[in-house]
């Protein structure tokens, strides 16, 4: 018996994001989920340890964030203007995402299916944990906008503005902390980052 789960997940590197935009450098789904998982872990750690949230499990959040777009291996990255055009499209696309995630988790041994399915489907997260992953997802989009702007590409100006607006709506304390103390470093080059780290 063979199990396609790991091979399917490895195909994240073939899915490019931001398909409707001119990019100075393509961003793969694999890059995005890695960045999102790291950011979500930081946010969750801040929630738990800086702000005393007892409904947040940082390692659980990081794992769920790592798998949060696994369905896109089969659907591709549907552009935001299409996905959020109306409630009908959004509702149907959410149903497709859930179906594709279930398809992906079928490719694992029965002995580990409960553990893997729990990570991919993430149906046992608290509302707070779900909000953290959503914030990390938006922050990852913001990082891309900043990177493109730093490369002289003005194509991402509107996306940056709308992403910042979304992040500031009903902002979590840990997200605000990240934006105040971590986000400015995304405007720095490597020498500046090293210098900042040594202060």
N, C-alpha and C. Protein backbone atom coordinates (compact mmCIF):
# COMPACT_ATOMS: atom_id res chain seq x y z
N UNK A 1 0.84 -1.19 0.00
CA UNK A 1 0.00 0.00 0.00
C UNK A 1 0.88 1.25 0.00
N UNK A 2 0.52 2.22 -0.81
CA UNK A 2 1.26 3.48 -0.82
C UNK A 2 0.36 4.61 -0.33
N UNK A 3 0.99 5.65 0.19
CA UNK A 3 0.27 6.77 0.79
C UNK A 3 0.72 8.08 0.14
N UNK A 4 -0.14 8.78 -0.60
CA UNK A 4 0.26 9.96 -1.36
C UNK A 4 0.32 11.27 -0.58
N UNK A 5 -0.04 11.26 0.70
CA UNK A 5 -0.15 12.51 1.46
C UNK A 5 1.10 13.38 1.38
N UNK A 6 2.26 12.82 1.73
CA UNK A 6 3.50 13.62 1.78
C UNK A 6 3.87 14.14 0.39
N UNK A 7 3.70 13.30 -0.64
CA UNK A 7 4.02 13.73 -2.00
C UNK A 7 3.08 14.85 -2.45
N UNK A 8 1.81 14.76 -2.05
CA UNK A 8 0.87 15.83 -2.39
C UNK A 8 1.27 17.13 -1.72
N UNK A 9 1.62 17.06 -0.44
CA UNK A 9 2.03 18.28 0.28
C UNK A 9 3.28 18.89 -0.33
N UNK A 10 4.18 18.06 -0.85
CA UNK A 10 5.42 18.59 -1.42
C UNK A 10 5.14 19.39 -2.70
N UNK A 11 3.96 19.25 -3.25
CA UNK A 11 3.60 20.00 -4.47
C UNK A 11 3.22 21.46 -4.18
N UNK A 12 3.22 21.83 -2.91
CA UNK A 12 2.96 23.24 -2.58
C UNK A 12 3.94 24.17 -3.28
N UNK A 13 5.14 23.68 -3.53
CA UNK A 13 6.16 24.54 -4.16
C UNK A 13 5.81 24.88 -5.61
N UNK A 14 4.87 24.16 -6.21
CA UNK A 14 4.47 24.43 -7.59
C UNK A 14 3.31 25.43 -7.70
N UNK A 15 2.66 25.74 -6.60
CA UNK A 15 1.50 26.63 -6.61
C UNK A 15 1.99 28.06 -6.35
N UNK A 16 1.84 28.91 -7.35
CA UNK A 16 2.23 30.32 -7.19
C UNK A 16 1.05 31.15 -6.72
N UNK A 17 1.34 32.09 -5.85
CA UNK A 17 0.33 33.00 -5.32
C UNK A 17 0.37 34.32 -6.10
N UNK A 18 -0.61 35.17 -5.87
CA UNK A 18 -0.67 36.50 -6.45
C UNK A 18 -0.71 36.45 -7.98
N UNK A 19 -1.51 35.54 -8.52
CA UNK A 19 -1.55 35.30 -9.96
C UNK A 19 -2.02 36.47 -10.79
N UNK A 20 -2.78 37.40 -10.22
CA UNK A 20 -3.27 38.54 -10.99
C UNK A 20 -2.34 39.75 -10.93
N UNK A 21 -1.26 39.62 -10.18
CA UNK A 21 -0.36 40.76 -9.95
C UNK A 21 0.99 40.53 -10.63
N UNK A 22 1.61 41.65 -11.05
CA UNK A 22 2.99 41.58 -11.55
C UNK A 22 3.92 41.47 -10.35
N UNK A 23 4.69 40.40 -10.30
CA UNK A 23 5.58 40.12 -9.18
C UNK A 23 7.04 40.31 -9.60
N UNK A 24 7.84 40.91 -8.73
CA UNK A 24 9.28 40.93 -9.02
C UNK A 24 9.89 39.56 -8.71
N UNK A 25 9.27 38.83 -7.79
CA UNK A 25 9.72 37.47 -7.45
C UNK A 25 8.49 36.64 -7.13
N UNK A 26 8.32 35.50 -7.78
CA UNK A 26 7.15 34.67 -7.47
C UNK A 26 7.20 34.17 -6.02
N UNK A 27 6.03 34.00 -5.44
CA UNK A 27 5.92 33.43 -4.09
C UNK A 27 5.12 32.14 -4.19
N UNK A 28 5.71 31.05 -3.75
CA UNK A 28 5.02 29.77 -3.80
C UNK A 28 4.16 29.58 -2.55
N UNK A 29 3.22 28.67 -2.68
CA UNK A 29 2.38 28.31 -1.54
C UNK A 29 3.23 27.75 -0.40
N UNK A 30 4.28 27.00 -0.74
CA UNK A 30 5.16 26.43 0.29
C UNK A 30 5.82 27.54 1.11
N UNK A 31 6.27 28.60 0.44
CA UNK A 31 6.86 29.73 1.15
C UNK A 31 5.82 30.38 2.07
N UNK A 32 4.64 30.58 1.52
CA UNK A 32 3.58 31.26 2.27
C UNK A 32 3.22 30.51 3.54
N UNK A 33 2.99 29.20 3.44
CA UNK A 33 2.55 28.47 4.63
C UNK A 33 3.66 28.39 5.68
N UNK A 34 4.90 28.32 5.23
CA UNK A 34 6.01 28.32 6.19
C UNK A 34 6.06 29.65 6.94
N UNK A 35 5.98 30.74 6.19
CA UNK A 35 5.99 32.07 6.80
C UNK A 35 4.79 32.26 7.72
N UNK A 36 3.65 31.79 7.28
CA UNK A 36 2.43 31.91 8.08
C UNK A 36 2.54 31.11 9.38
N UNK A 37 3.12 29.91 9.31
CA UNK A 37 3.27 29.07 10.50
C UNK A 37 4.19 29.72 11.52
N UNK A 38 5.31 30.29 11.04
CA UNK A 38 6.25 30.97 11.94
C UNK A 38 5.57 32.17 12.60
N UNK A 39 4.88 32.96 11.78
CA UNK A 39 4.20 34.16 12.30
C UNK A 39 3.10 33.80 13.28
N UNK A 40 2.32 32.77 12.95
CA UNK A 40 1.25 32.33 13.84
C UNK A 40 1.82 31.83 15.17
N UNK A 41 2.97 31.15 15.12
CA UNK A 41 3.59 30.67 16.35
C UNK A 41 4.02 31.83 17.23
N UNK A 42 4.59 32.87 16.61
CA UNK A 42 4.99 34.06 17.37
C UNK A 42 3.76 34.73 17.98
N UNK A 43 2.72 34.92 17.18
CA UNK A 43 1.49 35.54 17.68
C UNK A 43 0.89 34.74 18.83
N UNK A 44 0.86 33.43 18.66
CA UNK A 44 0.27 32.57 19.70
C UNK A 44 1.10 32.59 20.98
N UNK A 45 2.43 32.62 20.82
CA UNK A 45 3.31 32.72 21.99
C UNK A 45 3.09 34.04 22.71
N UNK A 46 2.94 35.12 21.94
CA UNK A 46 2.64 36.42 22.55
C UNK A 46 1.30 36.38 23.28
N UNK A 47 0.31 35.78 22.64
CA UNK A 47 -1.02 35.69 23.27
C UNK A 47 -0.94 34.96 24.60
N UNK A 48 -0.24 33.82 24.59
CA UNK A 48 -0.17 32.99 25.79
C UNK A 48 0.74 33.57 26.87
N UNK A 49 1.93 34.04 26.46
CA UNK A 49 2.95 34.39 27.44
C UNK A 49 3.04 35.89 27.75
N UNK A 50 2.72 36.73 26.77
CA UNK A 50 2.76 38.17 27.00
C UNK A 50 1.42 38.69 27.51
N UNK A 51 0.33 38.10 26.98
CA UNK A 51 -1.01 38.61 27.31
C UNK A 51 -1.86 37.64 28.12
N UNK A 52 -1.29 36.51 28.51
CA UNK A 52 -1.95 35.59 29.44
C UNK A 52 -3.17 34.87 28.91
N UNK A 53 -3.27 34.68 27.60
CA UNK A 53 -4.43 33.97 27.03
C UNK A 53 -4.34 32.49 27.37
N UNK A 54 -5.37 31.97 28.03
CA UNK A 54 -5.37 30.55 28.40
C UNK A 54 -6.10 29.68 27.38
N UNK A 55 -6.56 30.28 26.28
CA UNK A 55 -7.26 29.53 25.24
C UNK A 55 -6.42 29.40 23.97
N UNK A 56 -5.10 29.57 24.10
CA UNK A 56 -4.20 29.52 22.94
C UNK A 56 -3.07 28.54 23.22
N UNK A 57 -2.88 27.60 22.29
CA UNK A 57 -1.81 26.60 22.35
C UNK A 57 -0.85 26.88 21.18
N UNK A 58 0.28 27.55 21.44
CA UNK A 58 1.15 27.98 20.35
C UNK A 58 1.57 26.88 19.37
N UNK A 59 1.94 25.70 19.87
CA UNK A 59 2.38 24.63 18.98
C UNK A 59 1.22 24.13 18.11
N UNK A 60 0.04 24.05 18.67
CA UNK A 60 -1.14 23.64 17.92
C UNK A 60 -1.46 24.66 16.82
N UNK A 61 -1.34 25.93 17.15
CA UNK A 61 -1.59 27.00 16.19
C UNK A 61 -0.58 26.94 15.05
N UNK A 62 0.70 26.76 15.38
CA UNK A 62 1.74 26.71 14.35
C UNK A 62 1.51 25.56 13.38
N UNK A 63 1.13 24.41 13.91
CA UNK A 63 0.88 23.24 13.08
C UNK A 63 -0.32 23.46 12.17
N UNK A 64 -1.39 24.00 12.72
CA UNK A 64 -2.59 24.28 11.91
C UNK A 64 -2.27 25.30 10.82
N UNK A 65 -1.46 26.30 11.15
CA UNK A 65 -1.08 27.32 10.15
C UNK A 65 -0.24 26.72 9.03
N UNK A 66 0.59 25.74 9.37
CA UNK A 66 1.42 25.07 8.36
C UNK A 66 0.58 24.37 7.31
N UNK A 67 -0.58 23.87 7.72
CA UNK A 67 -1.46 23.13 6.81
C UNK A 67 -2.65 23.97 6.32
N UNK A 68 -2.75 25.23 6.71
CA UNK A 68 -4.01 25.96 6.53
C UNK A 68 -4.44 26.15 5.07
N UNK A 69 -3.51 26.09 4.14
CA UNK A 69 -3.87 26.23 2.73
C UNK A 69 -3.60 24.96 1.93
N UNK A 70 -3.58 23.81 2.60
CA UNK A 70 -3.27 22.55 1.92
C UNK A 70 -4.22 22.27 0.76
N UNK A 71 -5.46 22.70 0.88
CA UNK A 71 -6.44 22.47 -0.19
C UNK A 71 -6.01 23.09 -1.51
N UNK A 72 -5.18 24.15 -1.46
CA UNK A 72 -4.77 24.84 -2.67
C UNK A 72 -3.84 23.98 -3.55
N UNK A 73 -3.35 22.87 -3.02
CA UNK A 73 -2.60 21.92 -3.84
C UNK A 73 -3.50 21.42 -4.97
N UNK A 74 -4.80 21.30 -4.69
CA UNK A 74 -5.75 20.80 -5.68
C UNK A 74 -6.58 21.91 -6.34
N UNK A 75 -6.74 23.04 -5.67
CA UNK A 75 -7.58 24.11 -6.23
C UNK A 75 -6.76 25.23 -6.85
N UNK A 76 -5.48 25.34 -6.51
CA UNK A 76 -4.71 26.51 -6.86
C UNK A 76 -5.09 27.66 -5.95
N UNK A 77 -4.47 28.81 -6.17
CA UNK A 77 -4.74 29.99 -5.34
C UNK A 77 -5.79 30.84 -6.04
N UNK A 78 -7.02 30.80 -5.55
CA UNK A 78 -8.08 31.61 -6.15
C UNK A 78 -7.84 33.07 -5.76
N UNK A 79 -7.74 33.96 -6.74
CA UNK A 79 -7.46 35.37 -6.42
C UNK A 79 -8.53 35.97 -5.50
N UNK A 80 -8.09 36.79 -4.57
CA UNK A 80 -8.98 37.43 -3.59
C UNK A 80 -10.16 38.15 -4.21
N UNK A 81 -9.98 38.94 -5.30
CA UNK A 81 -11.15 39.63 -5.87
C UNK A 81 -12.26 38.69 -6.34
N UNK A 82 -11.86 37.47 -6.74
CA UNK A 82 -12.85 36.49 -7.17
C UNK A 82 -13.47 35.80 -5.95
N UNK A 83 -12.62 35.34 -5.06
CA UNK A 83 -13.06 34.58 -3.88
C UNK A 83 -14.05 35.37 -3.03
N UNK A 84 -13.82 36.66 -2.88
CA UNK A 84 -14.66 37.48 -2.00
C UNK A 84 -15.63 38.37 -2.78
N UNK A 85 -15.90 38.04 -4.02
CA UNK A 85 -16.78 38.87 -4.85
C UNK A 85 -18.20 38.92 -4.30
N UNK A 86 -18.71 37.77 -3.84
CA UNK A 86 -20.03 37.75 -3.21
C UNK A 86 -20.11 36.54 -2.29
N UNK A 87 -21.14 36.51 -1.46
CA UNK A 87 -21.27 35.45 -0.46
C UNK A 87 -21.47 34.08 -1.09
N UNK A 88 -22.14 34.06 -2.24
CA UNK A 88 -22.38 32.79 -2.92
C UNK A 88 -21.08 32.13 -3.35
N UNK A 89 -20.21 32.92 -4.00
CA UNK A 89 -18.92 32.38 -4.43
C UNK A 89 -18.10 31.97 -3.21
N UNK A 90 -18.05 32.81 -2.20
CA UNK A 90 -17.26 32.51 -1.00
C UNK A 90 -17.75 31.24 -0.32
N UNK A 91 -19.08 31.12 -0.17
CA UNK A 91 -19.63 29.94 0.49
C UNK A 91 -19.32 28.66 -0.28
N UNK A 92 -19.48 28.72 -1.60
CA UNK A 92 -19.20 27.54 -2.42
C UNK A 92 -17.71 27.20 -2.40
N UNK A 93 -16.87 28.24 -2.43
CA UNK A 93 -15.44 27.98 -2.42
C UNK A 93 -15.00 27.39 -1.08
N UNK A 94 -15.59 27.85 0.01
CA UNK A 94 -15.28 27.27 1.33
C UNK A 94 -15.63 25.78 1.34
N UNK A 95 -16.77 25.45 0.72
CA UNK A 95 -17.18 24.04 0.66
C UNK A 95 -16.16 23.23 -0.15
N UNK A 96 -15.69 23.79 -1.26
CA UNK A 96 -14.69 23.12 -2.09
C UNK A 96 -13.39 22.95 -1.32
N UNK A 97 -12.96 24.00 -0.59
CA UNK A 97 -11.74 23.91 0.22
C UNK A 97 -11.83 22.75 1.22
N UNK A 98 -12.97 22.66 1.91
CA UNK A 98 -13.16 21.58 2.89
C UNK A 98 -13.11 20.21 2.22
N UNK A 99 -13.74 20.10 1.08
CA UNK A 99 -13.76 18.82 0.35
C UNK A 99 -12.36 18.43 -0.10
N UNK A 100 -11.58 19.39 -0.59
CA UNK A 100 -10.22 19.10 -1.05
C UNK A 100 -9.30 18.74 0.13
N UNK A 101 -9.49 19.39 1.26
CA UNK A 101 -8.71 19.04 2.45
C UNK A 101 -9.00 17.61 2.88
N UNK A 102 -10.27 17.23 2.85
CA UNK A 102 -10.65 15.85 3.19
C UNK A 102 -10.05 14.87 2.20
N UNK A 103 -10.00 15.24 0.94
CA UNK A 103 -9.40 14.38 -0.09
C UNK A 103 -7.92 14.16 0.21
N UNK A 104 -7.23 15.22 0.57
CA UNK A 104 -5.79 15.13 0.84
C UNK A 104 -5.51 14.23 2.03
N UNK A 105 -6.29 14.34 3.10
CA UNK A 105 -6.00 13.55 4.31
C UNK A 105 -6.38 12.08 4.17
N UNK A 106 -7.00 11.71 3.08
CA UNK A 106 -7.28 10.29 2.85
C UNK A 106 -6.01 9.51 2.56
N UNK A 107 -4.95 10.20 2.13
CA UNK A 107 -3.73 9.53 1.71
C UNK A 107 -2.73 9.26 2.81
N UNK A 108 -3.20 8.83 3.98
CA UNK A 108 -2.32 8.56 5.11
C UNK A 108 -2.71 7.22 5.76
N UNK A 109 -1.78 6.57 6.44
CA UNK A 109 -2.12 5.31 7.13
C UNK A 109 -3.17 5.53 8.21
N UNK A 110 -3.99 4.56 8.41
CA UNK A 110 -5.05 4.63 9.42
C UNK A 110 -4.49 4.90 10.81
N UNK A 111 -3.29 4.36 11.08
CA UNK A 111 -2.69 4.48 12.42
C UNK A 111 -2.39 5.93 12.80
N UNK A 112 -2.18 6.81 11.81
CA UNK A 112 -1.88 8.21 12.11
C UNK A 112 -2.95 9.17 11.58
N UNK A 113 -4.04 8.61 11.07
CA UNK A 113 -5.04 9.45 10.40
C UNK A 113 -5.67 10.48 11.33
N UNK A 114 -5.95 10.10 12.56
CA UNK A 114 -6.59 11.04 13.48
C UNK A 114 -5.68 12.22 13.79
N UNK A 115 -4.40 11.93 14.00
CA UNK A 115 -3.44 13.00 14.32
C UNK A 115 -3.24 13.94 13.14
N UNK A 116 -3.05 13.38 11.95
CA UNK A 116 -2.82 14.21 10.76
C UNK A 116 -4.08 14.98 10.38
N UNK A 117 -5.22 14.30 10.40
CA UNK A 117 -6.47 14.97 10.04
C UNK A 117 -6.73 16.15 10.97
N UNK A 118 -6.46 15.97 12.25
CA UNK A 118 -6.66 17.04 13.23
C UNK A 118 -5.81 18.26 12.89
N UNK A 119 -4.59 18.03 12.39
CA UNK A 119 -3.70 19.14 12.02
C UNK A 119 -4.16 19.83 10.75
N UNK A 120 -4.59 19.04 9.76
CA UNK A 120 -4.96 19.61 8.46
C UNK A 120 -6.34 20.28 8.52
N UNK A 121 -7.31 19.59 9.08
CA UNK A 121 -8.68 20.11 9.13
C UNK A 121 -8.82 21.18 10.21
N UNK A 122 -8.06 21.02 11.30
CA UNK A 122 -8.01 22.02 12.39
C UNK A 122 -9.40 22.38 12.91
N UNK A 123 -10.22 21.36 13.13
CA UNK A 123 -11.58 21.62 13.60
C UNK A 123 -11.70 21.67 15.12
N UNK A 124 -10.57 21.57 15.81
CA UNK A 124 -10.62 21.65 17.27
C UNK A 124 -9.92 22.91 17.81
N UNK A 125 -9.71 23.89 16.93
CA UNK A 125 -9.09 25.14 17.38
C UNK A 125 -10.12 26.01 18.10
N UNK A 126 -9.65 26.78 19.07
CA UNK A 126 -10.52 27.76 19.71
C UNK A 126 -10.74 28.93 18.75
N UNK A 127 -11.73 29.74 19.02
CA UNK A 127 -11.97 30.93 18.18
C UNK A 127 -10.76 31.85 18.18
N UNK A 128 -10.12 31.98 19.33
CA UNK A 128 -8.93 32.82 19.44
C UNK A 128 -7.82 32.28 18.54
N UNK A 129 -7.61 30.97 18.57
CA UNK A 129 -6.56 30.36 17.76
C UNK A 129 -6.84 30.55 16.26
N UNK A 130 -8.11 30.44 15.87
CA UNK A 130 -8.48 30.66 14.46
C UNK A 130 -8.20 32.10 14.05
N UNK A 131 -8.49 33.04 14.93
CA UNK A 131 -8.23 34.45 14.64
C UNK A 131 -6.73 34.71 14.49
N UNK A 132 -5.93 34.04 15.28
CA UNK A 132 -4.48 34.19 15.18
C UNK A 132 -3.98 33.71 13.82
N UNK A 133 -4.48 32.59 13.35
CA UNK A 133 -4.06 32.07 12.04
C UNK A 133 -4.51 33.02 10.93
N UNK A 134 -5.71 33.57 11.05
CA UNK A 134 -6.19 34.55 10.05
C UNK A 134 -5.27 35.78 10.05
N UNK A 135 -4.89 36.24 11.26
CA UNK A 135 -4.00 37.40 11.35
C UNK A 135 -2.63 37.09 10.75
N UNK A 136 -2.11 35.89 11.01
CA UNK A 136 -0.81 35.49 10.46
C UNK A 136 -0.88 35.42 8.94
N UNK A 137 -1.99 34.95 8.41
CA UNK A 137 -2.20 34.87 6.97
C UNK A 137 -2.16 36.28 6.35
N UNK A 138 -2.85 37.21 6.99
CA UNK A 138 -2.85 38.59 6.50
C UNK A 138 -1.47 39.23 6.64
N UNK A 139 -0.78 38.95 7.74
CA UNK A 139 0.57 39.50 7.92
C UNK A 139 1.51 38.97 6.84
N UNK A 140 1.39 37.70 6.50
CA UNK A 140 2.21 37.13 5.43
C UNK A 140 1.97 37.86 4.11
N UNK A 141 0.70 38.18 3.84
CA UNK A 141 0.37 38.96 2.64
C UNK A 141 1.02 40.35 2.71
N UNK A 142 1.00 40.94 3.90
CA UNK A 142 1.61 42.25 4.08
C UNK A 142 3.13 42.20 3.85
N UNK A 143 3.77 41.13 4.33
CA UNK A 143 5.21 40.98 4.12
C UNK A 143 5.52 40.98 2.62
N UNK A 144 4.69 40.28 1.85
CA UNK A 144 4.88 40.22 0.40
C UNK A 144 4.73 41.62 -0.22
N UNK A 145 3.73 42.36 0.22
CA UNK A 145 3.52 43.71 -0.29
C UNK A 145 4.73 44.60 0.01
N UNK A 146 5.25 44.50 1.22
CA UNK A 146 6.42 45.29 1.61
C UNK A 146 7.62 44.90 0.75
N UNK A 147 7.83 43.61 0.56
CA UNK A 147 8.95 43.13 -0.25
C UNK A 147 8.86 43.66 -1.67
N UNK A 148 7.67 43.60 -2.25
CA UNK A 148 7.50 44.08 -3.63
C UNK A 148 7.74 45.59 -3.71
N UNK A 149 7.23 46.34 -2.76
CA UNK A 149 7.45 47.79 -2.74
C UNK A 149 8.93 48.12 -2.60
N UNK A 150 9.63 47.38 -1.75
CA UNK A 150 11.08 47.60 -1.56
C UNK A 150 11.86 47.30 -2.84
N UNK A 151 11.29 46.45 -3.69
CA UNK A 151 11.92 46.13 -4.97
C UNK A 151 11.52 47.10 -6.08
N UNK A 152 10.77 48.15 -5.71
CA UNK A 152 10.37 49.16 -6.68
C UNK A 152 9.09 48.86 -7.44
N UNK A 153 8.39 47.82 -7.04
CA UNK A 153 7.15 47.43 -7.72
C UNK A 153 5.97 48.10 -7.02
N UNK A 154 5.30 49.01 -7.71
CA UNK A 154 4.16 49.73 -7.13
C UNK A 154 2.84 48.98 -7.30
N UNK A 155 2.90 47.82 -7.92
CA UNK A 155 1.70 47.00 -8.19
C UNK A 155 0.97 46.60 -6.92
N UNK A 156 1.69 46.52 -5.79
CA UNK A 156 1.13 46.00 -4.55
C UNK A 156 0.67 47.10 -3.59
N UNK A 157 0.67 48.35 -4.04
CA UNK A 157 0.29 49.46 -3.16
C UNK A 157 -1.11 49.34 -2.60
N UNK A 158 -2.10 49.05 -3.45
CA UNK A 158 -3.49 48.92 -3.00
C UNK A 158 -3.66 47.71 -2.10
N UNK A 159 -2.97 46.61 -2.46
CA UNK A 159 -3.06 45.39 -1.64
C UNK A 159 -2.49 45.65 -0.24
N UNK A 160 -1.40 46.40 -0.18
CA UNK A 160 -0.80 46.73 1.12
C UNK A 160 -1.77 47.56 1.96
N UNK A 161 -2.37 48.55 1.35
CA UNK A 161 -3.30 49.42 2.07
C UNK A 161 -4.50 48.64 2.59
N UNK A 162 -5.10 47.80 1.75
CA UNK A 162 -6.30 47.06 2.17
C UNK A 162 -5.95 45.99 3.21
N UNK A 163 -4.75 45.40 3.10
CA UNK A 163 -4.32 44.40 4.08
C UNK A 163 -4.11 45.05 5.45
N UNK A 164 -3.48 46.22 5.45
CA UNK A 164 -3.30 46.96 6.71
C UNK A 164 -4.64 47.31 7.34
N UNK A 165 -5.58 47.73 6.52
CA UNK A 165 -6.92 48.07 7.03
C UNK A 165 -7.59 46.86 7.66
N UNK A 166 -7.48 45.71 7.01
CA UNK A 166 -8.08 44.48 7.55
C UNK A 166 -7.41 44.08 8.86
N UNK A 167 -6.10 44.24 8.94
CA UNK A 167 -5.38 43.88 10.15
C UNK A 167 -5.77 44.78 11.33
N UNK A 168 -6.10 46.03 11.03
CA UNK A 168 -6.44 46.98 12.10
C UNK A 168 -7.88 46.86 12.58
N UNK A 169 -8.70 46.10 11.86
CA UNK A 169 -10.09 45.89 12.27
C UNK A 169 -10.13 44.82 13.36
N UNK A 170 -10.72 45.14 14.47
CA UNK A 170 -10.87 44.17 15.57
C UNK A 170 -9.53 43.48 15.88
N UNK A 171 -8.48 44.30 16.00
CA UNK A 171 -7.13 43.76 16.13
C UNK A 171 -6.92 43.07 17.48
N UNK A 172 -6.26 41.91 17.45
CA UNK A 172 -5.89 41.20 18.67
C UNK A 172 -4.70 41.90 19.32
N UNK A 173 -4.56 41.85 20.65
CA UNK A 173 -3.40 42.49 21.30
C UNK A 173 -2.07 41.96 20.77
N UNK A 174 -2.00 40.66 20.52
CA UNK A 174 -0.75 40.07 20.04
C UNK A 174 -0.43 40.51 18.60
N UNK A 175 -1.47 40.74 17.80
CA UNK A 175 -1.24 41.24 16.44
C UNK A 175 -0.75 42.68 16.48
N UNK A 176 -1.35 43.49 17.35
CA UNK A 176 -0.91 44.88 17.48
C UNK A 176 0.54 44.93 17.97
N UNK A 177 0.88 44.07 18.91
CA UNK A 177 2.25 44.00 19.42
C UNK A 177 3.21 43.66 18.29
N UNK A 178 2.83 42.66 17.49
CA UNK A 178 3.67 42.25 16.36
C UNK A 178 3.85 43.42 15.39
N UNK A 179 2.77 44.11 15.08
CA UNK A 179 2.84 45.23 14.13
C UNK A 179 3.69 46.38 14.68
N UNK A 180 3.65 46.57 15.97
CA UNK A 180 4.44 47.65 16.58
C UNK A 180 5.93 47.30 16.68
N UNK A 181 6.23 46.03 17.00
CA UNK A 181 7.60 45.67 17.36
C UNK A 181 8.32 44.76 16.36
N UNK A 182 7.61 44.01 15.55
CA UNK A 182 8.22 43.11 14.58
C UNK A 182 8.15 43.65 13.14
N UNK A 183 7.01 44.21 12.80
CA UNK A 183 6.76 44.63 11.42
C UNK A 183 7.77 45.64 10.88
N UNK A 184 8.21 46.64 11.67
CA UNK A 184 9.18 47.61 11.13
C UNK A 184 10.46 46.96 10.59
N UNK A 185 10.82 45.81 11.13
CA UNK A 185 12.05 45.13 10.69
C UNK A 185 11.93 44.59 9.26
N UNK A 186 10.71 44.43 8.76
CA UNK A 186 10.53 43.94 7.39
C UNK A 186 10.90 45.02 6.36
N UNK A 187 11.14 46.23 6.82
CA UNK A 187 11.58 47.31 5.94
C UNK A 187 13.11 47.41 5.92
N UNK A 188 13.80 46.57 6.70
CA UNK A 188 15.25 46.66 6.85
C UNK A 188 15.97 45.68 5.94
N UNK A 189 17.24 46.02 5.58
CA UNK A 189 18.07 45.06 4.85
C UNK A 189 18.80 44.17 5.87
N UNK A 190 19.56 43.20 5.36
CA UNK A 190 20.18 42.21 6.25
C UNK A 190 21.15 42.86 7.24
N UNK A 191 21.97 43.80 6.77
CA UNK A 191 22.93 44.46 7.68
C UNK A 191 22.19 45.19 8.81
N UNK A 192 21.08 45.86 8.45
CA UNK A 192 20.29 46.56 9.46
C UNK A 192 19.67 45.57 10.46
N UNK A 193 19.22 44.43 9.95
CA UNK A 193 18.64 43.42 10.84
C UNK A 193 19.68 42.88 11.83
N UNK A 194 20.87 42.62 11.31
CA UNK A 194 21.95 42.12 12.18
C UNK A 194 22.30 43.17 13.22
N UNK A 195 22.41 44.42 12.79
CA UNK A 195 22.73 45.51 13.71
C UNK A 195 21.63 45.64 14.77
N UNK A 196 20.38 45.55 14.35
CA UNK A 196 19.25 45.62 15.27
C UNK A 196 19.28 44.48 16.28
N UNK A 197 19.69 43.31 15.81
CA UNK A 197 19.75 42.10 16.65
C UNK A 197 20.84 42.23 17.70
N UNK A 198 21.89 42.99 17.39
CA UNK A 198 23.02 43.12 18.30
C UNK A 198 22.83 44.26 19.33
N UNK A 199 21.75 45.02 19.18
CA UNK A 199 21.49 46.12 20.13
C UNK A 199 21.01 45.59 21.46
